[in-house]
N, C-alpha and C. Protein backbone atom coordinates (compact mmCIF):
# COMPACT_ATOMS: atom_id res chain seq x y z
N MET A 1 -38.25 64.02 196.64
CA MET A 1 -38.40 64.47 195.28
C MET A 1 -37.01 64.74 194.70
N PRO A 2 -36.93 64.65 193.38
CA PRO A 2 -35.63 64.77 192.73
C PRO A 2 -35.11 66.19 192.55
N GLY A 3 -35.84 67.18 193.03
CA GLY A 3 -35.39 68.56 192.87
C GLY A 3 -36.37 69.53 193.52
N VAL A 4 -36.22 70.81 193.20
CA VAL A 4 -37.07 71.85 193.77
C VAL A 4 -38.40 71.89 193.03
N PRO A 5 -39.52 71.83 193.75
CA PRO A 5 -40.84 71.86 193.11
C PRO A 5 -41.08 73.18 192.37
N ASP A 6 -41.70 73.07 191.19
CA ASP A 6 -42.04 74.25 190.40
C ASP A 6 -43.55 74.51 190.41
N VAL A 7 -44.33 73.48 190.12
CA VAL A 7 -45.78 73.61 189.99
C VAL A 7 -46.44 72.46 190.74
N VAL A 8 -47.53 72.77 191.44
CA VAL A 8 -48.26 71.76 192.19
C VAL A 8 -49.72 71.80 191.76
N MET A 9 -50.28 70.63 191.46
CA MET A 9 -51.70 70.51 191.11
C MET A 9 -52.32 69.49 192.06
N PHE A 10 -53.57 69.74 192.49
CA PHE A 10 -54.24 68.84 193.43
C PHE A 10 -55.59 68.43 192.88
N ASP A 11 -55.88 67.14 192.95
CA ASP A 11 -57.20 66.62 192.60
C ASP A 11 -57.85 66.12 193.89
N LYS A 12 -58.81 66.87 194.38
CA LYS A 12 -59.46 66.55 195.65
C LYS A 12 -60.20 65.22 195.59
N GLU A 13 -60.89 64.97 194.48
CA GLU A 13 -61.68 63.74 194.35
C GLU A 13 -60.80 62.49 194.45
N LEU A 14 -59.65 62.50 193.77
CA LEU A 14 -58.75 61.34 193.80
C LEU A 14 -57.79 61.38 194.99
N GLY A 15 -57.65 62.55 195.60
CA GLY A 15 -56.68 62.70 196.67
C GLY A 15 -55.26 62.60 196.15
N ARG A 16 -55.05 63.13 194.94
CA ARG A 16 -53.73 63.07 194.30
C ARG A 16 -53.11 64.45 194.24
N LEU A 17 -51.81 64.49 194.51
CA LEU A 17 -51.02 65.70 194.39
C LEU A 17 -49.97 65.45 193.32
N TYR A 18 -49.89 66.35 192.34
CA TYR A 18 -48.94 66.24 191.24
C TYR A 18 -47.94 67.39 191.39
N VAL A 19 -46.66 67.05 191.49
CA VAL A 19 -45.63 68.06 191.72
C VAL A 19 -44.61 68.00 190.58
N ALA A 20 -44.54 69.07 189.80
CA ALA A 20 -43.60 69.13 188.68
C ALA A 20 -42.26 69.71 189.16
N VAL A 21 -41.19 69.10 188.69
CA VAL A 21 -39.83 69.57 188.97
C VAL A 21 -39.14 69.74 187.62
N GLY A 22 -38.82 70.99 187.28
CA GLY A 22 -38.24 71.29 185.96
C GLY A 22 -36.85 70.72 185.75
N SER A 23 -36.07 70.65 186.82
CA SER A 23 -34.74 70.08 186.70
C SER A 23 -34.60 69.00 187.75
N PRO A 24 -34.67 67.76 187.34
CA PRO A 24 -34.29 67.15 186.08
C PRO A 24 -35.43 66.92 185.09
N GLY A 25 -36.66 67.29 185.39
CA GLY A 25 -37.79 67.05 184.48
C GLY A 25 -38.58 65.83 184.92
N THR A 26 -39.35 66.00 186.00
CA THR A 26 -40.16 64.92 186.53
C THR A 26 -41.47 65.46 187.06
N VAL A 27 -42.42 64.56 187.24
CA VAL A 27 -43.64 64.86 187.99
C VAL A 27 -43.77 63.76 189.04
N SER A 28 -43.80 64.17 190.30
CA SER A 28 -44.00 63.21 191.39
C SER A 28 -45.48 63.19 191.72
N VAL A 29 -46.02 61.97 191.90
CA VAL A 29 -47.44 61.79 192.17
C VAL A 29 -47.58 61.24 193.59
N PHE A 30 -48.41 61.91 194.38
CA PHE A 30 -48.61 61.52 195.77
C PHE A 30 -50.08 61.21 196.04
N ASP A 31 -50.32 60.20 196.86
CA ASP A 31 -51.64 59.90 197.38
C ASP A 31 -51.72 60.63 198.72
N THR A 32 -52.53 61.69 198.78
CA THR A 32 -52.57 62.51 199.99
C THR A 32 -53.33 61.83 201.11
N ARG A 33 -54.21 60.90 200.80
CA ARG A 33 -54.97 60.21 201.85
C ARG A 33 -54.11 59.21 202.60
N ARG A 34 -53.28 58.51 201.85
CA ARG A 34 -52.39 57.51 202.47
C ARG A 34 -51.01 58.08 202.77
N ARG A 35 -50.77 59.33 202.31
CA ARG A 35 -49.48 60.00 202.50
C ARG A 35 -48.33 59.18 201.94
N LEU A 36 -48.53 58.75 200.69
CA LEU A 36 -47.53 57.94 199.98
C LEU A 36 -47.18 58.56 198.64
N GLN A 37 -45.91 58.43 198.27
CA GLN A 37 -45.53 58.78 196.90
C GLN A 37 -45.84 57.57 196.04
N LEU A 38 -46.67 57.76 195.02
CA LEU A 38 -47.09 56.67 194.15
C LEU A 38 -46.09 56.40 193.03
N GLU A 39 -45.59 57.48 192.43
CA GLU A 39 -44.65 57.31 191.32
C GLU A 39 -43.97 58.63 191.00
N THR A 40 -42.90 58.51 190.24
CA THR A 40 -42.23 59.67 189.67
C THR A 40 -42.17 59.45 188.16
N ILE A 41 -42.77 60.36 187.44
CA ILE A 41 -42.83 60.27 185.98
C ILE A 41 -41.68 61.10 185.41
N THR A 42 -40.86 60.50 184.56
CA THR A 42 -39.80 61.23 183.89
C THR A 42 -40.40 61.94 182.68
N THR A 43 -40.18 63.25 182.61
CA THR A 43 -40.71 64.03 181.49
C THR A 43 -39.55 64.49 180.62
N GLU A 44 -39.17 65.72 180.75
CA GLU A 44 -38.09 66.30 179.95
C GLU A 44 -37.47 67.44 180.75
N ASN A 45 -36.18 67.60 180.70
CA ASN A 45 -35.53 68.67 181.44
C ASN A 45 -36.16 70.01 181.06
N GLY A 46 -36.52 70.77 182.07
CA GLY A 46 -37.17 72.06 181.85
C GLY A 46 -38.68 71.99 181.81
N ALA A 47 -39.24 70.79 181.80
CA ALA A 47 -40.70 70.63 181.75
C ALA A 47 -41.26 70.80 183.16
N HIS A 48 -41.85 71.96 183.40
CA HIS A 48 -42.42 72.20 184.72
C HIS A 48 -43.81 72.81 184.67
N THR A 49 -44.32 73.07 183.49
CA THR A 49 -45.68 73.58 183.34
C THR A 49 -46.61 72.40 183.13
N ILE A 50 -47.56 72.23 184.05
CA ILE A 50 -48.47 71.10 183.98
C ILE A 50 -49.91 71.59 184.09
N GLY A 51 -50.81 70.76 183.61
CA GLY A 51 -52.24 71.01 183.74
C GLY A 51 -52.94 69.70 184.03
N TRP A 52 -53.94 69.74 184.89
CA TRP A 52 -54.67 68.54 185.27
C TRP A 52 -56.12 68.69 184.86
N ASP A 53 -56.66 67.68 184.14
CA ASP A 53 -58.07 67.65 183.76
C ASP A 53 -58.76 66.59 184.61
N PRO A 54 -59.52 66.99 185.63
CA PRO A 54 -60.14 66.00 186.50
C PRO A 54 -61.21 65.15 185.81
N ALA A 55 -61.83 65.68 184.77
CA ALA A 55 -62.87 64.91 184.07
C ALA A 55 -62.30 63.69 183.35
N SER A 56 -61.19 63.89 182.65
CA SER A 56 -60.58 62.78 181.91
C SER A 56 -59.47 62.10 182.70
N ARG A 57 -59.10 62.69 183.86
CA ARG A 57 -58.01 62.20 184.70
C ARG A 57 -56.71 62.13 183.91
N ARG A 58 -56.45 63.21 183.17
CA ARG A 58 -55.22 63.31 182.37
C ARG A 58 -54.36 64.47 182.88
N LEU A 59 -53.06 64.20 182.90
CA LEU A 59 -52.07 65.20 183.26
C LEU A 59 -51.36 65.62 181.98
N PHE A 60 -51.32 66.93 181.73
CA PHE A 60 -50.66 67.47 180.55
C PHE A 60 -49.37 68.16 180.99
N VAL A 61 -48.27 67.79 180.34
CA VAL A 61 -46.96 68.35 180.68
C VAL A 61 -46.39 69.01 179.43
N LEU A 62 -46.18 70.33 179.49
CA LEU A 62 -45.56 71.04 178.37
C LEU A 62 -44.06 70.77 178.40
N GLN A 63 -43.52 70.33 177.25
CA GLN A 63 -42.11 69.96 177.16
C GLN A 63 -41.39 70.94 176.23
N PRO A 64 -40.64 71.87 176.82
CA PRO A 64 -40.07 72.97 176.04
C PRO A 64 -39.00 72.56 175.03
N SER A 65 -38.20 71.56 175.32
CA SER A 65 -37.13 71.18 174.39
C SER A 65 -37.66 70.56 173.11
N SER A 66 -38.67 69.71 173.25
CA SER A 66 -39.23 69.04 172.07
C SER A 66 -40.44 69.78 171.49
N CYS A 67 -40.83 70.89 172.14
CA CYS A 67 -41.99 71.69 171.71
C CYS A 67 -43.24 70.84 171.63
N GLY A 68 -43.42 69.97 172.61
CA GLY A 68 -44.59 69.11 172.61
C GLY A 68 -45.30 69.10 173.93
N VAL A 69 -46.34 68.29 173.98
CA VAL A 69 -47.12 68.08 175.20
C VAL A 69 -47.18 66.58 175.45
N ALA A 70 -46.78 66.17 176.63
CA ALA A 70 -46.92 64.77 177.02
C ALA A 70 -48.21 64.64 177.80
N ILE A 71 -48.93 63.54 177.57
CA ILE A 71 -50.22 63.32 178.24
C ILE A 71 -50.13 62.00 178.99
N TYR A 72 -50.46 62.06 180.29
CA TYR A 72 -50.44 60.89 181.15
C TYR A 72 -51.82 60.70 181.74
N GLU A 73 -52.25 59.45 181.89
CA GLU A 73 -53.56 59.16 182.47
C GLU A 73 -53.38 58.52 183.84
N ASP A 74 -54.21 58.97 184.78
CA ASP A 74 -54.21 58.38 186.11
C ASP A 74 -55.25 57.26 186.10
N ALA A 75 -54.80 56.06 186.34
CA ALA A 75 -55.69 54.90 186.26
C ALA A 75 -56.38 54.59 187.58
N ALA A 76 -56.29 55.49 188.54
CA ALA A 76 -56.86 55.24 189.87
C ALA A 76 -58.34 54.96 189.84
């Protein structure tokens, strides 16, 4: 991972672990069943507050510098 983990979210149904790192501003996505890192999403420096909606399979990332919310969909 590119830095110290801040927030971790787990989706049991998908077997996905989402790990937010505020500096440099990324979310690392892991497949816990295969024990693989699937991707690293670049967000925004300081963005470490995340929320996961299992129904829509969307990850919400609060971005403090731009005062916005980035929304990512897991296509699994």
